[in-house]
Every structure is written in C-alpha cells, then in structure tokens.
C-alpha cells in the first residue's frame, strides 16, 4: 500500500554534479527550488542537505561559489578540503586581483574555523 503523500527524494545537486549531469552553474536553480519550496520532500531540510553538501563544504561554497570543483576533487581523492582550499587561497593571493579581496577574506575565515590537518 503506497501513501500518496510520501515524497521521494531525488538525487541531490551534488550527486548530479559529481556524475556530470548538471554544471556548477545549475546550483542556482537548485537553491531557487529550495527557497520556493518546490520539492515537498525538502520541507524542513537544510539547504546544505538539499544540495548534497556537508556543512564544511556548504560554508566554503558560500564564501567562494567557484569552489565546487575543489569540493569534488576532495571527495574523489580523499584529500582534506582544507588543503585544497588553502592552495586555492594561495593562488588567489598570488594573482593579486582586487576583485578577489572578499573571496580571500572569506576563505581565510573558513580556513581559520577548520581543524588542523
């Protein structure tokens, strides 16, 4: 006997992204769906869970939306995300672009809140 009110949870954004079924830019559509409460199964689910991101991954994505490839690399290789983000931070600092100042500050804050590796 099935319950018509039971909603099935589909693959998360990150599941789809990691398999190449959506691009990094598609995350905005998923965020919009969550805010608009378009998926009944997602009521009461945090945005990070809805997207398929762990809390640390979600926080770094908030600071640096272009971090999704690094998050994927960390998951696939088993390297600590903090190491990959530290490398990314170093490259942003070395590039010296004034437009990266906010991202640099955010990544520093994120790294400061991570356990030592």
Foldseek 3Di string as FASTA:
>chain_A
DDDPLDFDQDDAQLVCCLVVNDDLVCVVVQVVCLVVVVGVVCVVPDSCVRNVHDPLRVQLCVLPVVCSVLVSCCVVVVPDSLVSLVVVLVVVVVVVDPVCVSSNVSSVVSSVPDDDD
